[in-house]
Amino acid sequence: MTDTARCCSPEMVKPTLPDQTLPTGGNVARDCVPVPGGRAVLGTDRPVFPVDEEGPARRATVKPLWWERGTVSNAAFARFVDATGYQTEAERFGWSFVFWSHVPEQQGPTHAVQGVEWWRRVDGACWHRPTGPQGGAPLADHPVVHIAWTDARAYAAWVGGRLPREAEWEHAARGGLGDVRYPWGHEAPTDAGPFRCNIWQGRFPDHDTGADGFTGTAPTHSFPANGYGLFNMVGNIWEWSSDPFRLRTLKRAARQVANAPRKLLKGGSFLCHESYCHRYRIAARIGNTPDSTTTHTGFRVVYDTPPLKPDP
């Protein structure tokens, strides 16, 4: 991961855990919309973080897919856990990363991540206690967080879907508008509005004014949908993709470090701000280890064929 990306999603180094065996064919509601295929724009000729290889813009062919309109919610993930007994990576390891101002005072001392001290290791933080065991339960209609790539893949397989590829994600995020910077066009959001996504307003990392209505996650179906009917394609939470995170143009030694086993994330989060981490752009990209979990990382599911409706 590039140094500038560590502010977005701190990296975990953990021992390997055994895989869990899961059933497939979960009977859950799938709120999907069709997204047409075709020749899609991938990347940009106006990169903000060239080191992340956001550019150049190029073309990729994507096929039609059915996209869940929002990221997976706490309610949906709870149904998965109830049906399978699945335990997330954060639960099995016993800790996860929480943004400093979200840690409850009664939690007691926490360990900061060196260089990005606003990230704290909180024992007991996981999807059903997103700020730690001393904090409250998650809101049902908000995105599930503290989700590792392996957790996202397990859920997607259970419902008969998968995680999107980078080209598919960017194509869907643009909503039919072509080579635009944001899902609504080129106009950048500001601290004064109009508010089209859930990002930071104020002075990072000390004070988020919450002018957009949120200082943490927003509901999965909030702010205006894009042209394909998809919500929160930028901001709110980082979304895992199925692709590995690879950098191609670095010198060999640097490339070997950067291309250690990591998975690609897209979309930015409620912690992004133009002054520090302008990664709520469609072409922005970061990578992280598959077992890394944070209070602003989740996922969205896509389907290669129309998903079956649940039994009445």
C-alpha atoms as a PDB file:
ATOM      1  CA  MET A   1       0.000   0.000   0.000  1.00  0.00           C
ATOM      2  CA  THR A   2       1.251   3.517  -0.736  1.00  0.00           C
ATOM      3  CA  ASP A   3       2.105   5.645   2.302  1.00  0.00           C
ATOM      4  CA  THR A   4      -0.634   8.155   1.481  1.00  0.00           C
ATOM      5  CA  ALA A   5      -3.210   5.362   1.379  1.00  0.00           C
ATOM      6  CA  ARG A   6      -2.502   4.255   4.958  1.00  0.00           C
ATOM      7  CA  CYS A   7      -4.690   7.111   6.204  1.00  0.00           C
ATOM      8  CA  CYS A   8      -7.569   5.561   4.284  1.00  0.00           C
ATOM      9  CA  SER A   9      -7.313   1.988   5.468  1.00  0.00           C
ATOM     10  CA  PRO A  10      -4.605   0.827   7.903  1.00  0.00           C
ATOM     11  CA  GLU A  11      -3.095  -2.544   7.172  1.00  0.00           C
ATOM     12  CA  MET A  12      -3.253  -5.514   9.497  1.00  0.00           C
ATOM     13  CA  VAL A  13      -0.572  -8.170   9.881  1.00  0.00           C
ATOM     14  CA  LYS A  14      -2.137 -11.272  11.392  1.00  0.00           C
ATOM     15  CA  PRO A  15      -1.529 -15.003  11.556  1.00  0.00           C
ATOM     16  CA  THR A  16      -3.418 -17.159   9.085  1.00  0.00           C
ATOM     17  CA  LEU A  17      -6.700 -18.604  10.286  1.00  0.00           C
ATOM     18  CA  PRO A  18      -8.298 -21.781   8.909  1.00  0.00           C
ATOM     19  CA  ASP A  19     -11.038 -21.290   6.340  1.00  0.00           C
ATOM     20  CA  GLN A  20     -14.661 -21.703   7.316  1.00  0.00           C
ATOM     21  CA  THR A  21     -16.958 -24.040   5.391  1.00  0.00           C
ATOM     22  CA  LEU A  22     -20.189 -22.284   4.472  1.00  0.00           C
ATOM     23  CA  PRO A  23     -23.462 -23.275   2.829  1.00  0.00           C
ATOM     24  CA  THR A  24     -24.537 -21.490  -0.341  1.00  0.00           C
ATOM     25  CA  GLY A  25     -27.910 -20.364  -1.582  1.00  0.00           C
ATOM     26  CA  GLY A  26     -28.930 -17.896   1.082  1.00  0.00           C
ATOM     27  CA  ASN A  27     -32.591 -16.892   0.975  1.00  0.00           C
ATOM     28  CA  VAL A  28     -32.332 -13.119   1.391  1.00  0.00           C
ATOM     29  CA  ALA A  29     -33.929 -10.148  -0.299  1.00  0.00           C
ATOM     30  CA  ARG A  30     -31.841  -8.707  -3.115  1.00  0.00           C
ATOM     31  CA  ASP A  31     -32.595  -5.119  -4.029  1.00  0.00           C
ATOM     32  CA  CYS A  32     -30.959  -5.074  -7.458  1.00  0.00           C
ATOM     33  CA  VAL A  33     -30.934  -3.032 -10.638  1.00  0.00           C
ATOM     34  CA  PRO A  34     -29.569  -4.023 -14.053  1.00  0.00           C
ATOM     35  CA  VAL A  35     -26.457  -2.222 -15.248  1.00  0.00           C
ATOM     36  CA  PRO A  36     -25.787  -2.485 -19.002  1.00  0.00           C
ATOM     37  CA  GLY A  37     -22.473  -3.680 -20.349  1.00  0.00           C
ATOM     38  CA  GLY A  38     -20.303  -2.235 -23.081  1.00  0.00           C
ATOM     39  CA  ARG A  39     -17.034  -0.384 -23.535  1.00  0.00           C
ATOM     40  CA  ALA A  40     -16.276   1.295 -20.224  1.00  0.00           C
ATOM     41  CA  VAL A  41     -13.818   3.942 -19.053  1.00  0.00           C
ATOM     42  CA  LEU A  42     -11.268   2.706 -16.526  1.00  0.00           C
ATOM     43  CA  GLY A  43      -9.003   5.159 -14.748  1.00  0.00           C
ATOM     44  CA  THR A  44      -8.416   8.830 -15.536  1.00  0.00           C
ATOM     45  CA  ASP A  45      -6.097  11.197 -17.383  1.00  0.00           C
ATOM     46  CA  ARG A  46      -6.471  13.623 -14.433  1.00  0.00           C
ATOM     47  CA  PRO A  47      -5.005  11.618 -11.548  1.00  0.00           C
ATOM     48  CA  VAL A  48      -4.794  13.116  -8.067  1.00  0.00           C
ATOM     49  CA  PHE A  49      -2.565  10.354  -6.695  1.00  0.00           C
ATOM     50  CA  PRO A  50      -0.402   9.190  -9.649  1.00  0.00           C
ATOM     51  CA  VAL A  51       1.492   6.829  -7.322  1.00  0.00           C
ATOM     52  CA  ASP A  52      -1.739   4.800  -7.000  1.00  0.00           C
ATOM     53  CA  GLU A  53      -1.783   4.424 -10.820  1.00  0.00           C
ATOM     54  CA  GLU A  54      -5.174   6.048 -11.213  1.00  0.00           C
ATOM     55  CA  GLY A  55      -4.265   6.721 -14.822  1.00  0.00           C
ATOM     56  CA  PRO A  56      -4.100   6.740 -17.697  1.00  0.00           C
ATOM     57  CA  ALA A  57      -7.708   6.461 -18.822  1.00  0.00           C
ATOM     58  CA  ARG A  58      -8.266   3.365 -20.900  1.00  0.00           C
ATOM     59  CA  ARG A  59     -11.137   1.272 -22.190  1.00  0.00           C
ATOM     60  CA  ALA A  60     -12.365  -2.062 -20.893  1.00  0.00           C
ATOM     61  CA  THR A  61     -15.266  -4.240 -21.977  1.00  0.00           C
ATOM     62  CA  VAL A  62     -17.748  -5.145 -19.260  1.00  0.00           C
ATOM     63  CA  LYS A  63     -20.784  -7.362 -19.508  1.00  0.00           C
ATOM     64  CA  PRO A  64     -24.269  -6.620 -18.184  1.00  0.00           C
ATOM     65  CA  LEU A  65     -24.642  -7.267 -14.461  1.00  0.00           C
ATOM     66  CA  TRP A  66     -27.239  -6.971 -11.745  1.00  0.00           C
ATOM     67  CA  TRP A  67     -26.047  -4.731  -8.924  1.00  0.00           C
ATOM     68  CA  GLU A  68     -27.317  -4.445  -5.396  1.00  0.00           C
ATOM     69  CA  ARG A  69     -28.350  -0.801  -5.129  1.00  0.00           C
ATOM     70  CA  GLY A  70     -26.579  -0.274  -1.838  1.00  0.00           C
ATOM     71  CA  THR A  71     -23.721  -1.826   0.049  1.00  0.00           C
ATOM     72  CA  VAL A  72     -24.601  -4.790   2.257  1.00  0.00           C
ATOM     73  CA  SER A  73     -26.398  -3.609   5.379  1.00  0.00           C
ATOM     74  CA  ASN A  74     -26.089  -4.734   8.967  1.00  0.00           C
ATOM     75  CA  ALA A  75     -29.550  -6.301   8.735  1.00  0.00           C
ATOM     76  CA  ALA A  76     -28.612  -8.355   5.668  1.00  0.00           C
ATOM     77  CA  PHE A  77     -25.313  -9.470   7.178  1.00  0.00           C
ATOM     78  CA  ALA A  78     -27.077 -10.456  10.404  1.00  0.00           C
ATOM     79  CA  ARG A  79     -29.364 -12.781   8.423  1.00  0.00           C
ATOM     80  CA  PHE A  80     -26.277 -14.374   6.896  1.00  0.00           C
ATOM     81  CA  VAL A  81     -24.673 -14.896  10.293  1.00  0.00           C
ATOM     82  CA  ASP A  82     -27.900 -16.266  11.797  1.00  0.00           C
ATOM     83  CA  ALA A  83     -28.221 -18.783   8.957  1.00  0.00           C
ATOM     84  CA  THR A  84     -24.599 -19.937   8.811  1.00  0.00           C
ATOM     85  CA  GLY A  85     -22.943 -19.229  12.156  1.00  0.00           C
ATOM     86  CA  TYR A  86     -20.217 -17.395  10.275  1.00  0.00           C
ATOM     87  CA  GLN A  87     -17.588 -15.505  12.286  1.00  0.00           C
ATOM     88  CA  THR A  88     -15.803 -12.573  10.679  1.00  0.00           C
ATOM     89  CA  GLU A  89     -12.053 -12.138  10.677  1.00  0.00           C
ATOM     90  CA  ALA A  90     -12.331  -9.333  13.241  1.00  0.00           C
ATOM     91  CA  GLU A  91     -14.326 -11.597  15.575  1.00  0.00           C
ATOM     92  CA  ARG A  92     -11.882 -14.469  15.249  1.00  0.00           C
ATOM     93  CA  PHE A  93      -8.808 -12.270  15.725  1.00  0.00           C
ATOM     94  CA  GLY A  94     -10.463 -10.349  18.560  1.00  0.00           C
ATOM     95  CA  TRP A  95      -9.854  -6.761  17.410  1.00  0.00           C
ATOM     96  CA  SER A  96     -10.219  -4.248  14.616  1.00  0.00           C
ATOM     97  CA  PHE A  97      -9.384  -0.630  13.754  1.00  0.00           C
ATOM     98  CA  VAL A  98     -11.700   2.208  14.849  1.00  0.00           C
ATOM     99  CA  PHE A  99     -11.375   5.916  14.082  1.00  0.00           C
ATOM    100  CA  TRP A 100     -10.175   7.726  17.203  1.00  0.00           C
ATOM    101  CA  SER A 101     -13.190   9.982  17.771  1.00  0.00           C
ATOM    102  CA  HIS A 102     -15.592   7.040  17.532  1.00  0.00           C
ATOM    103  CA  VAL A 103     -13.972   5.067  20.353  1.00  0.00           C
ATOM    104  CA  PRO A 104     -16.222   5.276  23.464  1.00  0.00           C
ATOM    105  CA  GLU A 105     -14.606   7.019  26.429  1.00  0.00           C
ATOM    106  CA  GLN A 106     -15.369   4.025  28.646  1.00  0.00           C
ATOM    107  CA  GLN A 107     -13.339   1.803  26.311  1.00  0.00           C
ATOM    108  CA  GLY A 108     -10.128   2.812  28.050  1.00  0.00           C
ATOM    109  CA  PRO A 109      -6.647   3.097  26.471  1.00  0.00           C
ATOM    110  CA  THR A 110      -6.192   1.922  22.884  1.00  0.00           C
ATOM    111  CA  HIS A 111      -3.163   1.409  20.652  1.00  0.00           C
ATOM    112  CA  ALA A 112      -2.620   3.974  17.874  1.00  0.00           C
ATOM    113  CA  VAL A 113      -1.268   3.120  14.427  1.00  0.00           C
ATOM    114  CA  GLN A 114       2.156   4.699  14.060  1.00  0.00           C
ATOM    115  CA  GLY A 115       2.080   7.595  11.620  1.00  0.00           C
ATOM    116  CA  VAL A 116      -1.718   7.663  11.407  1.00  0.00           C
ATOM    117  CA  GLU A 117      -2.581   7.936  15.080  1.00  0.00           C
ATOM    118  CA  TRP A 118      -6.261   8.601  14.389  1.00  0.00           C
ATOM    119  CA  TRP A 119      -6.588   4.851  13.790  1.00  0.00           C
ATOM    120  CA  ARG A 120      -6.855   2.833  17.021  1.00  0.00           C
ATOM    121  CA  ARG A 121      -6.738  -0.881  17.617  1.00  0.00           C
ATOM    122  CA  VAL A 122      -9.837  -1.685  19.667  1.00  0.00           C
ATOM    123  CA  ASP A 123     -10.178  -5.117  21.225  1.00  0.00           C
ATOM    124  CA  GLY A 124     -13.634  -6.541  20.611  1.00  0.00           C
ATOM    125  CA  ALA A 125     -14.517  -4.191  17.741  1.00  0.00           C
ATOM    126  CA  CYS A 126     -16.355  -6.081  15.001  1.00  0.00           C
ATOM    127  CA  TRP A 127     -19.398  -5.800  12.751  1.00  0.00           C
ATOM    128  CA  HIS A 128     -21.967  -6.068  15.572  1.00  0.00           C
ATOM    129  CA  ARG A 129     -20.007  -3.741  17.887  1.00  0.00           C
ATOM    130  CA  PRO A 130     -18.484  -1.302  15.380  1.00  0.00           C
ATOM    131  CA  THR A 131     -16.925   1.049  17.956  1.00  0.00           C
ATOM    132  CA  GLY A 132     -15.957  -1.699  20.384  1.00  0.00           C
ATOM    133  CA  PRO A 133     -17.646  -3.713  23.145  1.00  0.00           C
ATOM    134  CA  GLN A 134     -18.424  -0.540  25.107  1.00  0.00           C
ATOM    135  CA  GLY A 135     -20.242   1.010  22.153  1.00  0.00           C
ATOM    136  CA  GLY A 136     -23.730   0.520  20.798  1.00  0.00           C
ATOM    137  CA  ALA A 137     -25.115  -1.995  18.351  1.00  0.00           C
ATOM    138  CA  PRO A 138     -25.055  -1.087  14.640  1.00  0.00           C
ATOM    139  CA  LEU A 139     -28.034   0.461  12.888  1.00  0.00           C
ATOM    140  CA  ALA A 140     -29.897  -2.049  10.715  1.00  0.00           C
ATOM    141  CA  ASP A 141     -30.020   0.090   7.567  1.00  0.00           C
ATOM    142  CA  HIS A 142     -26.386   1.241   7.741  1.00  0.00           C
ATOM    143  CA  PRO A 143     -23.589  -0.595   5.907  1.00  0.00           C
ATOM    144  CA  VAL A 144     -21.933  -3.487   7.677  1.00  0.00           C
ATOM    145  CA  VAL A 145     -18.293  -2.611   8.471  1.00  0.00           C
ATOM    146  CA  HIS A 146     -15.219  -4.282   9.968  1.00  0.00           C
ATOM    147  CA  ILE A 147     -15.500  -6.643   7.015  1.00  0.00           C
ATOM    148  CA  ALA A 148     -12.418  -8.361   5.628  1.00  0.00           C
ATOM    149  CA  TRP A 149     -12.163  -9.319   1.969  1.00  0.00           C
ATOM    150  CA  THR A 150     -12.570 -12.949   2.973  1.00  0.00           C
ATOM    151  CA  ASP A 151     -15.792 -12.089   4.834  1.00  0.00           C
ATOM    152  CA  ALA A 152     -17.173 -10.195   1.841  1.00  0.00           C
ATOM    153  CA  ARG A 153     -16.389 -13.070  -0.489  1.00  0.00           C
ATOM    154  CA  ALA A 154     -18.088 -15.555   1.851  1.00  0.00           C
ATOM    155  CA  TYR A 155     -21.291 -13.517   2.021  1.00  0.00           C
ATOM    156  CA  ALA A 156     -21.339 -12.950  -1.748  1.00  0.00           C
ATOM    157  CA  ALA A 157     -21.000 -16.677  -2.401  1.00  0.00           C
ATOM    158  CA  TRP A 158     -23.816 -17.433   0.048  1.00  0.00           C
ATOM    159  CA  VAL A 159     -26.264 -15.183  -1.800  1.00  0.00           C
ATOM    160  CA  GLY A 160     -25.164 -16.472  -5.204  1.00  0.00           C
ATOM    161  CA  GLY A 161     -23.260 -13.347  -6.239  1.00  0.00           C
ATOM    162  CA  ARG A 162     -19.698 -12.069  -6.230  1.00  0.00           C
ATOM    163  CA  LEU A 163     -17.571  -8.993  -5.674  1.00  0.00           C
ATOM    164  CA  PRO A 164     -17.177  -6.664  -8.681  1.00  0.00           C
ATOM    165  CA  ARG A 165     -14.001  -6.156 -10.663  1.00  0.00           C
ATOM    166  CA  GLU A 166     -12.452  -2.694 -10.847  1.00  0.00           C
ATOM    167  CA  ALA A 167     -13.610  -2.013 -14.411  1.00  0.00           C
ATOM    168  CA  GLU A 168     -17.141  -3.161 -13.550  1.00  0.00           C
ATOM    169  CA  TRP A 169     -17.200  -0.963 -10.452  1.00  0.00           C
ATOM    170  CA  GLU A 170     -16.042   2.174 -12.281  1.00  0.00           C
ATOM    171  CA  HIS A 171     -18.493   1.576 -15.122  1.00  0.00           C
ATOM    172  CA  ALA A 172     -21.380   1.207 -12.674  1.00  0.00           C
ATOM    173  CA  ALA A 173     -20.265   4.200 -10.583  1.00  0.00           C
ATOM    174  CA  ARG A 174     -20.328   6.507 -13.612  1.00  0.00           C
ATOM    175  CA  GLY A 175     -24.017   5.794 -14.056  1.00  0.00           C
ATOM    176  CA  GLY A 176     -23.998   6.176 -17.821  1.00  0.00           C
ATOM    177  CA  LEU A 177     -22.398   9.646 -17.776  1.00  0.00           C
ATOM    178  CA  GLY A 178     -19.144   8.620 -19.459  1.00  0.00           C
ATOM    179  CA  ASP A 179     -15.744   9.876 -18.335  1.00  0.00           C
ATOM    180  CA  VAL A 180     -16.816  11.787 -15.204  1.00  0.00           C
ATOM    181  CA  ARG A 181     -14.979  12.238 -11.923  1.00  0.00           C
ATOM    182  CA  TYR A 182     -17.923  11.547  -9.586  1.00  0.00           C
ATOM    183  CA  PRO A 183     -21.153   9.533  -9.942  1.00  0.00           C
ATOM    184  CA  TRP A 184     -23.089  12.786 -10.521  1.00  0.00           C
ATOM    185  CA  GLY A 185     -20.607  14.489 -12.876  1.00  0.00           C
ATOM    186  CA  HIS A 186     -17.519  16.684 -12.487  1.00  0.00           C
ATOM    187  CA  GLU A 187     -18.577  19.129  -9.762  1.00  0.00           C
ATOM    188  CA  ALA A 188     -16.582  18.504  -6.593  1.00  0.00           C
ATOM    189  CA  PRO A 189     -18.446  18.418  -3.271  1.00  0.00           C
ATOM    190  CA  THR A 190     -17.559  21.131  -0.760  1.00  0.00           C
ATOM    191  CA  ASP A 191     -17.963  21.650   2.973  1.00  0.00           C
ATOM    192  CA  ALA A 192     -20.870  23.999   2.222  1.00  0.00           C
ATOM    193  CA  GLY A 193     -22.834  21.665  -0.045  1.00  0.00           C
ATOM    194  CA  PRO A 194     -24.725  20.626  -2.024  1.00  0.00           C
ATOM    195  CA  PHE A 195     -24.142  17.285  -0.317  1.00  0.00           C
ATOM    196  CA  ARG A 196     -24.158  14.394  -2.760  1.00  0.00           C
ATOM    197  CA  CYS A 197     -22.193  11.860  -0.724  1.00  0.00           C
ATOM    198  CA  ASN A 198     -21.086  11.110   2.829  1.00  0.00           C
ATOM    199  CA  ILE A 199     -17.570  12.450   3.316  1.00  0.00           C
ATOM    200  CA  TRP A 200     -15.742  14.605   5.883  1.00  0.00           C
ATOM    201  CA  GLN A 201     -16.466  18.292   6.390  1.00  0.00           C
ATOM    202  CA  GLY A 202     -14.166  20.393   8.532  1.00  0.00           C
ATOM    203  CA  ARG A 203     -10.557  19.936   9.651  1.00  0.00           C
ATOM    204  CA  PHE A 204      -9.272  16.377   9.315  1.00  0.00           C
ATOM    205  CA  PRO A 205      -8.687  14.493  11.581  1.00  0.00           C
ATOM    206  CA  ASP A 206      -9.687  16.749  14.467  1.00  0.00           C
ATOM    207  CA  HIS A 207     -13.194  17.972  13.736  1.00  0.00           C
ATOM    208  CA  ASP A 208     -15.919  16.727  11.397  1.00  0.00           C
ATOM    209  CA  THR A 209     -18.769  19.226  11.344  1.00  0.00           C
ATOM    210  CA  GLY A 210     -21.195  16.626  10.015  1.00  0.00           C
ATOM    211  CA  ALA A 211     -22.688  19.243   7.693  1.00  0.00           C
ATOM    212  CA  ASP A 212     -23.883  16.479   5.364  1.00  0.00           C
ATOM    213  CA  GLY A 213     -25.857  14.964   8.247  1.00  0.00           C
ATOM    214  CA  PHE A 214     -23.359  12.303   9.301  1.00  0.00           C
ATOM    215  CA  THR A 215     -20.080  11.973  11.202  1.00  0.00           C
ATOM    216  CA  GLY A 216     -19.966   8.223  10.662  1.00  0.00           C
ATOM    217  CA  THR A 217     -21.742   5.921   8.264  1.00  0.00           C
ATOM    218  CA  ALA A 218     -24.980   6.894   6.540  1.00  0.00           C
ATOM    219  CA  PRO A 219     -27.775   4.469   5.593  1.00  0.00           C
ATOM    220  CA  THR A 220     -26.996   2.317   2.566  1.00  0.00           C
ATOM    221  CA  HIS A 221     -29.724   4.064   0.544  1.00  0.00           C
ATOM    222  CA  SER A 222     -28.937   7.717   1.260  1.00  0.00           C
ATOM    223  CA  PHE A 223     -28.044  10.735  -0.883  1.00  0.00           C
ATOM    224  CA  PRO A 224     -29.199  10.775  -4.523  1.00  0.00           C
ATOM    225  CA  ALA A 225     -28.673   7.586  -6.532  1.00  0.00           C
ATOM    226  CA  ASN A 226     -26.611   7.749  -9.723  1.00  0.00           C
ATOM    227  CA  GLY A 227     -27.928   7.201 -13.225  1.00  0.00           C
ATOM    228  CA  TYR A 228     -28.099   3.436 -12.783  1.00  0.00           C
ATOM    229  CA  GLY A 229     -29.954   3.702  -9.467  1.00  0.00           C
ATOM    230  CA  LEU A 230     -26.936   2.896  -7.263  1.00  0.00           C
ATOM    231  CA  PHE A 231     -26.457   4.609  -3.908  1.00  0.00           C
ATOM    232  CA  ASN A 232     -23.241   5.775  -2.240  1.00  0.00           C
ATOM    233  CA  MET A 233     -20.846   4.649  -4.934  1.00  0.00           C
ATOM    234  CA  VAL A 234     -18.418   7.173  -3.448  1.00  0.00           C
ATOM    235  CA  GLY A 235     -18.123   8.133   0.194  1.00  0.00           C
ATOM    236  CA  ASN A 236     -19.703   6.329   3.145  1.00  0.00           C
ATOM    237  CA  ILE A 237     -17.524   3.186   3.136  1.00  0.00           C
ATOM    238  CA  TRP A 238     -14.700   1.645   1.146  1.00  0.00           C
ATOM    239  CA  GLU A 239     -15.888  -1.282  -0.979  1.00  0.00           C
ATOM    240  CA  TRP A 240     -13.865  -4.445  -1.576  1.00  0.00           C
ATOM    241  CA  SER A 241     -13.469  -5.582  -5.179  1.00  0.00           C
ATOM    242  CA  SER A 242     -12.525  -9.018  -6.443  1.00  0.00           C
ATOM    243  CA  ASP A 243      -9.301  -7.747  -8.047  1.00  0.00           C
ATOM    244  CA  PRO A 244      -5.826  -7.801  -6.565  1.00  0.00           C
ATOM    245  CA  PHE A 245      -4.195  -4.419  -6.000  1.00  0.00           C
ATOM    246  CA  ARG A 246      -1.267  -4.158  -8.398  1.00  0.00           C
ATOM    247  CA  LEU A 247       1.058  -1.343  -9.404  1.00  0.00           C
ATOM    248  CA  ARG A 248       2.756  -1.819 -12.741  1.00  0.00           C
ATOM    249  CA  THR A 249       5.103   1.127 -13.302  1.00  0.00           C
ATOM    250  CA  LEU A 250       7.239   1.157 -10.155  1.00  0.00           C
ATOM    251  CA  LYS A 251      10.832   0.002 -10.133  1.00  0.00           C
ATOM    252  CA  ARG A 252      11.143  -3.715  -9.506  1.00  0.00           C
ATOM    253  CA  ALA A 253      12.003  -3.572  -5.783  1.00  0.00           C
ATOM    254  CA  ALA A 254       9.240  -1.082  -5.006  1.00  0.00           C
ATOM    255  CA  ARG A 255       6.779  -3.081  -7.100  1.00  0.00           C
ATOM    256  CA  GLN A 256       7.481  -6.237  -5.130  1.00  0.00           C
ATOM    257  CA  VAL A 257       6.623  -4.411  -1.879  1.00  0.00           C
ATOM    258  CA  ALA A 258       3.553  -2.660  -3.281  1.00  0.00           C
ATOM    259  CA  ASN A 259       2.238  -5.822  -4.925  1.00  0.00           C
ATOM    260  CA  ALA A 260       2.393  -8.024  -1.848  1.00  0.00           C
ATOM    261  CA  PRO A 261      -0.912  -9.933  -1.552  1.00  0.00           C
ATOM    262  CA  ARG A 262      -3.479  -7.164  -1.307  1.00  0.00           C
ATOM    263  CA  LYS A 263      -6.978  -6.639  -2.619  1.00  0.00           C
ATOM    264  CA  LEU A 264      -8.344  -3.532  -4.293  1.00  0.00           C
ATOM    265  CA  LEU A 265     -10.845  -1.185  -2.623  1.00  0.00           C
ATOM    266  CA  LYS A 266     -12.897   1.519  -4.323  1.00  0.00           C
ATOM    267  CA  GLY A 267     -15.082   4.473  -3.457  1.00  0.00           C
ATOM    268  CA  GLY A 268     -13.616   6.302  -0.463  1.00  0.00           C
ATOM    269  CA  SER A 269     -15.432   6.739   2.835  1.00  0.00           C
ATOM    270  CA  PHE A 270     -16.959   9.133   5.346  1.00  0.00           C
ATOM    271  CA  LEU A 271     -13.395   9.966   6.461  1.00  0.00           C
ATOM    272  CA  CYS A 272     -12.263  11.308   3.069  1.00  0.00           C
ATOM    273  CA  HIS A 273     -11.690  15.041   2.523  1.00  0.00           C
ATOM    274  CA  GLU A 274     -10.168  16.918  -0.397  1.00  0.00           C
ATOM    275  CA  SER A 275      -7.524  18.487   1.864  1.00  0.00           C
ATOM    276  CA  TYR A 276      -6.046  15.145   2.844  1.00  0.00           C
ATOM    277  CA  CYS A 277      -7.497  12.070   1.128  1.00  0.00           C
ATOM    278  CA  HIS A 278      -9.332  12.991  -2.052  1.00  0.00           C
ATOM    279  CA  ARG A 279     -10.201   9.385  -2.828  1.00  0.00           C
ATOM    280  CA  TYR A 280     -13.963   9.702  -3.160  1.00  0.00           C
ATOM    281  CA  ARG A 281     -13.410   9.939  -6.907  1.00  0.00           C
ATOM    282  CA  ILE A 282     -14.398   7.089  -9.208  1.00  0.00           C
ATOM    283  CA  ALA A 283     -10.838   6.493 -10.457  1.00  0.00           C
ATOM    284  CA  ALA A 284      -9.285   6.506  -6.970  1.00  0.00           C
ATOM    285  CA  ARG A 285      -7.999   3.194  -5.675  1.00  0.00           C
ATOM    286  CA  ILE A 286      -6.191   1.694  -2.699  1.00  0.00           C
ATOM    287  CA  GLY A 287      -5.170  -1.793  -1.629  1.00  0.00           C
ATOM    288  CA  ASN A 288      -5.126  -3.665   1.645  1.00  0.00           C
ATOM    289  CA  THR A 289      -4.432  -7.143   2.945  1.00  0.00           C
ATOM    290  CA  PRO A 290      -7.446  -9.459   2.642  1.00  0.00           C
ATOM    291  CA  ASP A 291      -7.807  -9.837   6.431  1.00  0.00           C
ATOM    292  CA  SER A 292      -7.679  -6.099   7.236  1.00  0.00           C
ATOM    293  CA  THR A 293     -10.800  -4.649   8.862  1.00  0.00           C
ATOM    294  CA  THR A 294     -11.816  -1.130   9.825  1.00  0.00           C
ATOM    295  CA  THR A 295     -14.829   0.876  10.873  1.00  0.00           C
ATOM    296  CA  HIS A 296     -15.254   2.183   7.307  1.00  0.00           C
ATOM    297  CA  THR A 297     -14.780  -0.907   5.122  1.00  0.00           C
ATOM    298  CA  GLY A 298     -17.582  -3.037   3.686  1.00  0.00           C
ATOM    299  CA  PHE A 299     -18.752  -4.296   0.299  1.00  0.00           C
ATOM    300  CA  ARG A 300     -21.411  -4.564  -2.393  1.00  0.00           C
ATOM    301  CA  VAL A 301     -22.561  -7.645  -4.300  1.00  0.00           C
ATOM    302  CA  VAL A 302     -23.132  -8.108  -8.045  1.00  0.00           C
ATOM    303  CA  TYR A 303     -24.777 -10.952  -9.944  1.00  0.00           C
ATOM    304  CA  ASP A 304     -23.941 -12.394 -13.356  1.00  0.00           C
ATOM    305  CA  THR A 305     -27.550 -13.513 -13.869  1.00  0.00           C
ATOM    306  CA  PRO A 306     -30.791 -12.070 -12.493  1.00  0.00           C
ATOM    307  CA  PRO A 307     -30.876 -13.041  -8.801  1.00  0.00           C
ATOM    308  CA  LEU A 308     -33.742 -15.212  -7.696  1.00  0.00           C
ATOM    309  CA  LYS A 309     -36.342 -13.611  -5.503  1.00  0.00           C
ATOM    310  CA  PRO A 310     -36.644 -15.039  -2.004  1.00  0.00           C
ATOM    311  CA  ASP A 311     -39.485 -17.368  -1.129  1.00  0.00           C
ATOM    312  CA  PRO A 312     -42.609 -15.561   0.167  1.00  0.00           C
END
